[in-house]
Amino acid sequence: MRYAIRLAQRAEARGEVPVGALIVKDEQCIAEGWNDSIASHDPTAHAEVVALRHAGKTVENYRLVNATLYVTLEPCVMCMGAISHARIKRLVFGAFDPKRGAVCNALSLTDAPFLNHRVDWNGGVLETECGDLLRDFFRARR
């Protein structure tokens, strides 16, 4: 998670919302990403999706079976859909997102009956550090 925080700081340095993500498979980091929606003019360029795209290219498959995704913020609906379709085995996130989180807050897509894949998850890892990064970013913008 500490590496995901460093990736989030890269996003922040570029004026993006500071969220970072990485994907580990077979005990190796196979992809990383950070929010890039503003610079890329792409509303889907959330950290998780950027990392998933890189991981798919790395393993030459859109299925990322037995991979773990680490991200500094609870994923949104779009990202949870992509995580499920990629068949990510495990999700670990830092800060909870009570308003938009789609793991266990606004929605609970990890056990939605209409999805045919279940994602194991663990939230709140380095929650204070991840949350402070986001709070400080938005406080500075207000």
N, C-alpha and C. Protein backbone atom coordinates (compact mmCIF):
# COMPACT_ATOMS: atom_id res chain seq x y z
N MET A 1 0.83 -1.20 0.00
CA MET A 1 0.00 0.00 0.00
C MET A 1 0.87 1.26 0.00
N ARG A 2 2.03 1.16 0.64
CA ARG A 2 2.91 2.34 0.64
C ARG A 2 3.34 2.70 -0.79
N TYR A 3 3.55 1.71 -1.62
CA TYR A 3 3.89 2.00 -3.01
C TYR A 3 2.70 2.63 -3.73
N ALA A 4 1.51 2.17 -3.45
CA ALA A 4 0.30 2.77 -4.05
C ALA A 4 0.18 4.24 -3.64
N ILE A 5 0.55 4.54 -2.40
CA ILE A 5 0.52 5.93 -1.95
C ILE A 5 1.52 6.77 -2.75
N ARG A 6 2.69 6.22 -3.02
CA ARG A 6 3.67 6.95 -3.86
C ARG A 6 3.12 7.18 -5.26
N LEU A 7 2.39 6.21 -5.79
CA LEU A 7 1.77 6.39 -7.10
C LEU A 7 0.70 7.48 -7.04
N ALA A 8 -0.06 7.51 -5.96
CA ALA A 8 -1.08 8.56 -5.77
C ALA A 8 -0.42 9.93 -5.74
N GLN A 9 0.74 10.02 -5.14
CA GLN A 9 1.47 11.29 -5.09
C GLN A 9 1.90 11.73 -6.49
N ARG A 10 2.17 10.78 -7.38
CA ARG A 10 2.47 11.13 -8.78
C ARG A 10 1.26 11.79 -9.43
N ALA A 11 0.08 11.22 -9.16
CA ALA A 11 -1.14 11.81 -9.70
C ALA A 11 -1.31 13.24 -9.18
N GLU A 12 -1.13 13.40 -7.89
CA GLU A 12 -1.28 14.73 -7.28
C GLU A 12 -0.31 15.74 -7.89
N ALA A 13 0.92 15.32 -8.15
CA ALA A 13 1.93 16.22 -8.73
C ALA A 13 1.51 16.69 -10.12
N ARG A 14 0.63 15.93 -10.76
CA ARG A 14 0.14 16.28 -12.09
C ARG A 14 -1.22 16.98 -12.04
N GLY A 15 -1.69 17.28 -10.83
CA GLY A 15 -2.98 17.96 -10.68
C GLY A 15 -4.18 17.03 -10.71
N GLU A 16 -3.93 15.73 -10.64
CA GLU A 16 -5.00 14.74 -10.65
C GLU A 16 -5.38 14.40 -9.21
N VAL A 17 -6.60 13.88 -9.02
CA VAL A 17 -6.99 13.40 -7.70
C VAL A 17 -6.01 12.29 -7.31
N PRO A 18 -5.42 12.38 -6.12
CA PRO A 18 -4.35 11.44 -5.75
C PRO A 18 -4.83 10.04 -5.36
N VAL A 19 -4.95 9.21 -6.37
CA VAL A 19 -5.27 7.80 -6.18
C VAL A 19 -4.24 7.00 -6.96
N GLY A 20 -3.67 6.00 -6.32
CA GLY A 20 -2.69 5.13 -6.97
C GLY A 20 -3.09 3.68 -6.84
N ALA A 21 -2.66 2.87 -7.80
CA ALA A 21 -3.01 1.45 -7.81
C ALA A 21 -1.85 0.63 -8.39
N LEU A 22 -1.76 -0.61 -7.94
CA LEU A 22 -0.81 -1.54 -8.52
C LEU A 22 -1.41 -2.94 -8.48
N ILE A 23 -0.92 -3.78 -9.37
CA ILE A 23 -1.41 -5.16 -9.47
C ILE A 23 -0.23 -6.11 -9.28
N VAL A 24 -0.44 -7.08 -8.39
CA VAL A 24 0.59 -8.06 -8.07
C VAL A 24 0.07 -9.44 -8.47
N LYS A 25 0.92 -10.18 -9.16
CA LYS A 25 0.60 -11.55 -9.55
C LYS A 25 1.88 -12.37 -9.38
N ASP A 26 1.74 -13.53 -8.78
CA ASP A 26 2.90 -14.39 -8.52
C ASP A 26 4.00 -13.63 -7.78
N GLU A 27 3.59 -12.83 -6.80
CA GLU A 27 4.47 -12.08 -5.92
C GLU A 27 5.31 -11.02 -6.64
N GLN A 28 4.87 -10.61 -7.84
CA GLN A 28 5.58 -9.57 -8.59
C GLN A 28 4.59 -8.50 -9.01
N CYS A 29 5.02 -7.24 -8.95
CA CYS A 29 4.19 -6.15 -9.45
C CYS A 29 4.23 -6.21 -10.97
N ILE A 30 3.06 -6.43 -11.57
CA ILE A 30 2.99 -6.52 -13.03
C ILE A 30 2.45 -5.26 -13.68
N ALA A 31 1.88 -4.35 -12.87
CA ALA A 31 1.34 -3.11 -13.43
C ALA A 31 1.10 -2.10 -12.33
N GLU A 32 1.09 -0.85 -12.73
CA GLU A 32 0.79 0.23 -11.81
C GLU A 32 0.03 1.31 -12.56
N GLY A 33 -0.61 2.17 -11.80
CA GLY A 33 -1.33 3.28 -12.41
C GLY A 33 -1.72 4.30 -11.37
N TRP A 34 -2.08 5.45 -11.84
CA TRP A 34 -2.58 6.52 -10.98
C TRP A 34 -3.63 7.28 -11.78
N ASN A 35 -4.44 8.05 -11.10
CA ASN A 35 -5.48 8.80 -11.81
C ASN A 35 -4.85 9.65 -12.90
N ASP A 36 -5.48 9.62 -14.09
CA ASP A 36 -4.96 10.34 -15.25
C ASP A 36 -6.09 10.89 -16.10
N SER A 37 -7.27 11.05 -15.53
CA SER A 37 -8.44 11.47 -16.30
C SER A 37 -8.29 12.87 -16.89
N ILE A 38 -7.72 13.79 -16.14
CA ILE A 38 -7.62 15.17 -16.61
C ILE A 38 -6.63 15.26 -17.76
N ALA A 39 -5.43 14.77 -17.55
CA ALA A 39 -4.38 14.87 -18.57
C ALA A 39 -4.72 14.10 -19.84
N SER A 40 -5.35 12.95 -19.68
CA SER A 40 -5.64 12.11 -20.85
C SER A 40 -7.00 12.41 -21.48
N HIS A 41 -7.74 13.32 -20.85
CA HIS A 41 -9.10 13.64 -21.32
C HIS A 41 -9.95 12.38 -21.43
N ASP A 42 -9.81 11.53 -20.41
CA ASP A 42 -10.46 10.21 -20.41
C ASP A 42 -11.14 9.98 -19.07
N PRO A 43 -12.46 10.02 -19.04
CA PRO A 43 -13.15 9.81 -17.76
C PRO A 43 -12.97 8.41 -17.18
N THR A 44 -12.48 7.48 -17.96
CA THR A 44 -12.27 6.12 -17.45
C THR A 44 -10.85 5.92 -16.92
N ALA A 45 -10.01 6.92 -16.98
CA ALA A 45 -8.60 6.76 -16.59
C ALA A 45 -8.40 6.87 -15.08
N HIS A 46 -9.19 6.11 -14.34
CA HIS A 46 -8.98 6.00 -12.90
C HIS A 46 -7.76 5.11 -12.68
N ALA A 47 -7.14 5.23 -11.52
CA ALA A 47 -5.92 4.48 -11.22
C ALA A 47 -6.09 2.98 -11.46
N GLU A 48 -7.23 2.45 -11.02
CA GLU A 48 -7.47 1.01 -11.15
C GLU A 48 -7.54 0.59 -12.62
N VAL A 49 -8.25 1.36 -13.42
CA VAL A 49 -8.41 1.02 -14.84
C VAL A 49 -7.08 1.15 -15.57
N VAL A 50 -6.31 2.19 -15.26
CA VAL A 50 -4.98 2.35 -15.87
C VAL A 50 -4.12 1.13 -15.54
N ALA A 51 -4.13 0.72 -14.28
CA ALA A 51 -3.34 -0.45 -13.87
C ALA A 51 -3.85 -1.73 -14.54
N LEU A 52 -5.17 -1.90 -14.63
CA LEU A 52 -5.73 -3.08 -15.29
C LEU A 52 -5.32 -3.14 -16.76
N ARG A 53 -5.34 -2.01 -17.44
CA ARG A 53 -4.92 -1.98 -18.86
C ARG A 53 -3.47 -2.41 -19.01
N HIS A 54 -2.60 -1.87 -18.15
CA HIS A 54 -1.19 -2.24 -18.21
C HIS A 54 -0.98 -3.72 -17.88
N ALA A 55 -1.71 -4.21 -16.89
CA ALA A 55 -1.57 -5.61 -16.50
C ALA A 55 -2.00 -6.54 -17.62
N GLY A 56 -3.11 -6.22 -18.28
CA GLY A 56 -3.57 -7.03 -19.40
C GLY A 56 -2.53 -7.14 -20.50
N LYS A 57 -1.88 -6.02 -20.78
CA LYS A 57 -0.81 -6.03 -21.80
C LYS A 57 0.39 -6.82 -21.32
N THR A 58 0.70 -6.70 -20.05
CA THR A 58 1.86 -7.41 -19.50
C THR A 58 1.69 -8.93 -19.60
N VAL A 59 0.50 -9.44 -19.23
CA VAL A 59 0.28 -10.88 -19.25
C VAL A 59 -0.34 -11.34 -20.57
N GLU A 60 -0.62 -10.39 -21.46
CA GLU A 60 -1.23 -10.67 -22.75
C GLU A 60 -2.55 -11.42 -22.61
N ASN A 61 -3.35 -10.94 -21.65
CA ASN A 61 -4.66 -11.54 -21.42
C ASN A 61 -5.49 -10.54 -20.63
N TYR A 62 -6.76 -10.45 -20.95
CA TYR A 62 -7.63 -9.54 -20.20
C TYR A 62 -8.08 -10.16 -18.88
N ARG A 63 -7.85 -11.42 -18.69
CA ARG A 63 -8.15 -12.09 -17.43
C ARG A 63 -6.90 -12.06 -16.55
N LEU A 64 -7.07 -11.54 -15.36
CA LEU A 64 -5.95 -11.42 -14.42
C LEU A 64 -6.19 -12.33 -13.22
N VAL A 65 -6.39 -13.59 -13.53
CA VAL A 65 -6.70 -14.61 -12.52
C VAL A 65 -5.56 -14.70 -11.50
N ASN A 66 -5.93 -14.80 -10.24
CA ASN A 66 -4.99 -14.92 -9.11
C ASN A 66 -4.14 -13.68 -8.89
N ALA A 67 -4.60 -12.54 -9.36
CA ALA A 67 -3.89 -11.28 -9.13
C ALA A 67 -4.55 -10.51 -7.99
N THR A 68 -3.77 -9.67 -7.35
CA THR A 68 -4.24 -8.78 -6.29
C THR A 68 -4.08 -7.34 -6.74
N LEU A 69 -5.12 -6.56 -6.57
CA LEU A 69 -5.07 -5.13 -6.89
C LEU A 69 -5.04 -4.35 -5.58
N TYR A 70 -4.05 -3.49 -5.45
CA TYR A 70 -3.92 -2.59 -4.30
C TYR A 70 -4.25 -1.18 -4.78
N VAL A 71 -5.11 -0.47 -4.06
CA VAL A 71 -5.49 0.89 -4.46
C VAL A 71 -5.72 1.72 -3.21
N THR A 72 -5.43 3.00 -3.29
CA THR A 72 -5.48 3.86 -2.11
C THR A 72 -6.89 4.27 -1.71
N LEU A 73 -7.88 4.08 -2.57
CA LEU A 73 -9.26 4.48 -2.29
C LEU A 73 -10.21 3.37 -2.72
N GLU A 74 -11.25 3.16 -1.95
CA GLU A 74 -12.29 2.19 -2.30
C GLU A 74 -12.78 2.44 -3.72
N PRO A 75 -12.74 1.44 -4.60
CA PRO A 75 -13.13 1.64 -5.99
C PRO A 75 -14.59 2.06 -6.19
N CYS A 76 -14.81 2.79 -7.28
CA CYS A 76 -16.14 3.23 -7.69
C CYS A 76 -16.83 2.11 -8.49
N VAL A 77 -18.04 2.38 -8.92
CA VAL A 77 -18.83 1.41 -9.69
C VAL A 77 -18.10 0.98 -10.96
N MET A 78 -17.60 1.94 -11.72
CA MET A 78 -16.91 1.63 -12.97
C MET A 78 -15.71 0.72 -12.71
N CYS A 79 -14.92 1.08 -11.73
CA CYS A 79 -13.72 0.31 -11.44
C CYS A 79 -14.05 -1.08 -10.92
N MET A 80 -15.08 -1.19 -10.10
CA MET A 80 -15.47 -2.52 -9.61
C MET A 80 -15.96 -3.40 -10.75
N GLY A 81 -16.65 -2.83 -11.72
CA GLY A 81 -17.05 -3.60 -12.89
C GLY A 81 -15.84 -4.13 -13.63
N ALA A 82 -14.84 -3.27 -13.84
CA ALA A 82 -13.62 -3.69 -14.53
C ALA A 82 -12.85 -4.73 -13.73
N ILE A 83 -12.78 -4.54 -12.42
CA ILE A 83 -12.09 -5.49 -11.54
C ILE A 83 -12.74 -6.87 -11.63
N SER A 84 -14.06 -6.89 -11.62
CA SER A 84 -14.80 -8.15 -11.72
C SER A 84 -14.57 -8.81 -13.08
N HIS A 85 -14.68 -8.03 -14.15
CA HIS A 85 -14.49 -8.59 -15.49
C HIS A 85 -13.07 -9.11 -15.70
N ALA A 86 -12.10 -8.49 -15.05
CA ALA A 86 -10.71 -8.94 -15.16
C ALA A 86 -10.44 -10.19 -14.32
N ARG A 87 -11.39 -10.54 -13.48
CA ARG A 87 -11.26 -11.70 -12.59
C ARG A 87 -10.15 -11.53 -11.55
N ILE A 88 -9.99 -10.29 -11.09
CA ILE A 88 -9.05 -10.03 -9.99
C ILE A 88 -9.49 -10.88 -8.81
N LYS A 89 -8.56 -11.58 -8.21
CA LYS A 89 -8.90 -12.47 -7.09
C LYS A 89 -9.10 -11.69 -5.79
N ARG A 90 -8.21 -10.73 -5.55
CA ARG A 90 -8.21 -10.03 -4.27
C ARG A 90 -8.02 -8.54 -4.48
N LEU A 91 -8.76 -7.76 -3.71
CA LEU A 91 -8.70 -6.30 -3.74
C LEU A 91 -8.33 -5.81 -2.35
N VAL A 92 -7.33 -4.94 -2.28
CA VAL A 92 -6.92 -4.33 -1.02
C VAL A 92 -6.95 -2.83 -1.24
N PHE A 93 -7.70 -2.12 -0.39
CA PHE A 93 -7.76 -0.66 -0.55
C PHE A 93 -7.51 0.04 0.76
N GLY A 94 -7.15 1.32 0.65
CA GLY A 94 -6.83 2.14 1.81
C GLY A 94 -8.05 2.82 2.39
N ALA A 95 -8.38 3.99 1.87
CA ALA A 95 -9.47 4.79 2.42
C ALA A 95 -10.82 4.30 1.92
N PHE A 96 -11.79 4.31 2.82
CA PHE A 96 -13.17 4.00 2.45
C PHE A 96 -13.78 5.23 1.79
N ASP A 97 -14.71 5.01 0.87
CA ASP A 97 -15.40 6.12 0.19
C ASP A 97 -16.89 5.99 0.45
N PRO A 98 -17.38 6.64 1.52
CA PRO A 98 -18.79 6.48 1.91
C PRO A 98 -19.79 6.95 0.85
N LYS A 99 -19.40 7.90 0.01
CA LYS A 99 -20.34 8.45 -0.98
C LYS A 99 -20.36 7.68 -2.29
N ARG A 100 -19.20 7.20 -2.74
CA ARG A 100 -19.13 6.57 -4.06
C ARG A 100 -18.52 5.18 -4.06
N GLY A 101 -18.09 4.70 -2.92
CA GLY A 101 -17.43 3.40 -2.86
C GLY A 101 -18.38 2.27 -3.24
N ALA A 102 -17.90 1.39 -4.11
CA ALA A 102 -18.75 0.31 -4.62
C ALA A 102 -18.33 -1.06 -4.11
N VAL A 103 -17.52 -1.08 -3.03
CA VAL A 103 -17.13 -2.34 -2.41
C VAL A 103 -18.04 -2.63 -1.22
N CYS A 104 -18.21 -1.64 -0.37
CA CYS A 104 -18.98 -1.88 0.86
C CYS A 104 -19.70 -0.63 1.37
N ASN A 105 -19.75 0.42 0.59
CA ASN A 105 -20.38 1.65 1.07
C ASN A 105 -21.61 2.01 0.25
N ALA A 106 -21.47 2.84 -0.77
CA ALA A 106 -22.64 3.22 -1.58
C ALA A 106 -23.27 1.99 -2.23
N LEU A 107 -22.42 1.05 -2.65
CA LEU A 107 -22.86 -0.23 -3.20
C LEU A 107 -21.94 -1.32 -2.65
N SER A 108 -22.39 -2.56 -2.79
CA SER A 108 -21.58 -3.71 -2.40
C SER A 108 -21.46 -4.65 -3.59
N LEU A 109 -20.64 -4.28 -4.56
CA LEU A 109 -20.54 -5.07 -5.79
C LEU A 109 -19.67 -6.31 -5.65
N THR A 110 -18.95 -6.45 -4.54
CA THR A 110 -18.12 -7.65 -4.38
C THR A 110 -18.96 -8.90 -4.21
N ASP A 111 -20.21 -8.75 -3.80
CA ASP A 111 -21.08 -9.92 -3.66
C ASP A 111 -22.43 -9.70 -4.33
N ALA A 112 -22.44 -8.89 -5.39
CA ALA A 112 -23.68 -8.64 -6.13
C ALA A 112 -24.12 -9.92 -6.85
N PRO A 113 -25.38 -10.29 -6.74
CA PRO A 113 -25.84 -11.55 -7.34
C PRO A 113 -25.79 -11.58 -8.87
N PHE A 114 -25.77 -10.42 -9.51
CA PHE A 114 -25.76 -10.40 -10.98
C PHE A 114 -24.35 -10.52 -11.57
N LEU A 115 -23.32 -10.49 -10.73
CA LEU A 115 -21.95 -10.68 -11.22
C LEU A 115 -21.55 -12.14 -11.00
N ASN A 116 -20.86 -12.71 -11.98
CA ASN A 116 -20.50 -14.12 -11.88
C ASN A 116 -19.09 -14.33 -11.32
N HIS A 117 -18.51 -13.28 -10.75
CA HIS A 117 -17.19 -13.39 -10.14
C HIS A 117 -17.20 -12.68 -8.80
N ARG A 118 -16.64 -13.30 -7.81
CA ARG A 118 -16.56 -12.72 -6.47
C ARG A 118 -15.13 -12.29 -6.20
N VAL A 119 -14.98 -11.10 -5.67
CA VAL A 119 -13.67 -10.56 -5.36
C VAL A 119 -13.50 -10.54 -3.84
N ASP A 120 -12.46 -11.19 -3.34
CA ASP A 120 -12.12 -11.08 -1.92
C ASP A 120 -11.55 -9.69 -1.70
N TRP A 121 -11.88 -9.08 -0.56
CA TRP A 121 -11.39 -7.73 -0.35
C TRP A 121 -11.02 -7.47 1.10
N ASN A 122 -10.18 -6.48 1.26
CA ASN A 122 -9.77 -6.01 2.58
C ASN A 122 -9.61 -4.50 2.47
N GLY A 123 -10.37 -3.75 3.25
CA GLY A 123 -10.31 -2.30 3.21
C GLY A 123 -9.74 -1.72 4.48
N GLY A 124 -9.29 -0.47 4.39
CA GLY A 124 -8.78 0.23 5.55
C GLY A 124 -7.29 0.04 5.79
N VAL A 125 -6.56 -0.47 4.81
CA VAL A 125 -5.12 -0.67 4.95
C VAL A 125 -4.43 0.69 4.78
N LEU A 126 -3.73 1.13 5.79
CA LEU A 126 -3.13 2.47 5.83
C LEU A 126 -4.19 3.54 5.54
N GLU A 127 -5.36 3.31 6.10
CA GLU A 127 -6.51 4.18 5.86
C GLU A 127 -6.23 5.64 6.17
N THR A 128 -5.59 5.92 7.28
CA THR A 128 -5.32 7.32 7.66
C THR A 128 -4.43 8.00 6.64
N GLU A 129 -3.34 7.35 6.24
CA GLU A 129 -2.43 7.95 5.27
C GLU A 129 -3.12 8.18 3.93
N CYS A 130 -3.87 7.20 3.47
CA CYS A 130 -4.58 7.32 2.19
C CYS A 130 -5.64 8.42 2.26
N GLY A 131 -6.39 8.44 3.34
CA GLY A 131 -7.44 9.44 3.51
C GLY A 131 -6.87 10.85 3.64
N ASP A 132 -5.78 10.99 4.39
CA ASP A 132 -5.15 12.30 4.55
C ASP A 132 -4.68 12.86 3.22
N LEU A 133 -4.15 12.01 2.38
CA LEU A 133 -3.69 12.46 1.06
C LEU A 133 -4.84 13.08 0.27
N LEU A 134 -5.98 12.42 0.28
CA LEU A 134 -7.16 12.94 -0.42
C LEU A 134 -7.71 14.19 0.24
N ARG A 135 -7.84 14.16 1.57
CA ARG A 135 -8.37 15.33 2.29
C ARG A 135 -7.50 16.57 2.06
N ASP A 136 -6.19 16.39 2.14
CA ASP A 136 -5.28 17.52 1.94
C ASP A 136 -5.37 18.05 0.52
N PHE A 137 -5.50 17.17 -0.45
CA PHE A 137 -5.63 17.58 -1.85
C PHE A 137 -6.87 18.45 -2.04
N PHE A 138 -8.01 17.98 -1.55
CA PHE A 138 -9.25 18.73 -1.75
C PHE A 138 -9.31 19.99 -0.89
N ARG A 139 -8.72 19.95 0.28
CA ARG A 139 -8.67 21.14 1.14
C ARG A 139 -7.87 22.25 0.44
N ALA A 140 -6.78 21.90 -0.21
CA ALA A 140 -5.96 22.88 -0.91
C ALA A 140 -6.67 23.48 -2.13
N ARG A 141 -7.62 22.76 -2.68
CA ARG A 141 -8.35 23.24 -3.86
C ARG A 141 -9.52 24.12 -3.51
N ARG A 142 -9.96 24.12 -2.26
CA ARG A 142 -11.13 24.90 -1.86
C ARG A 142 -10.76 26.29 -1.47
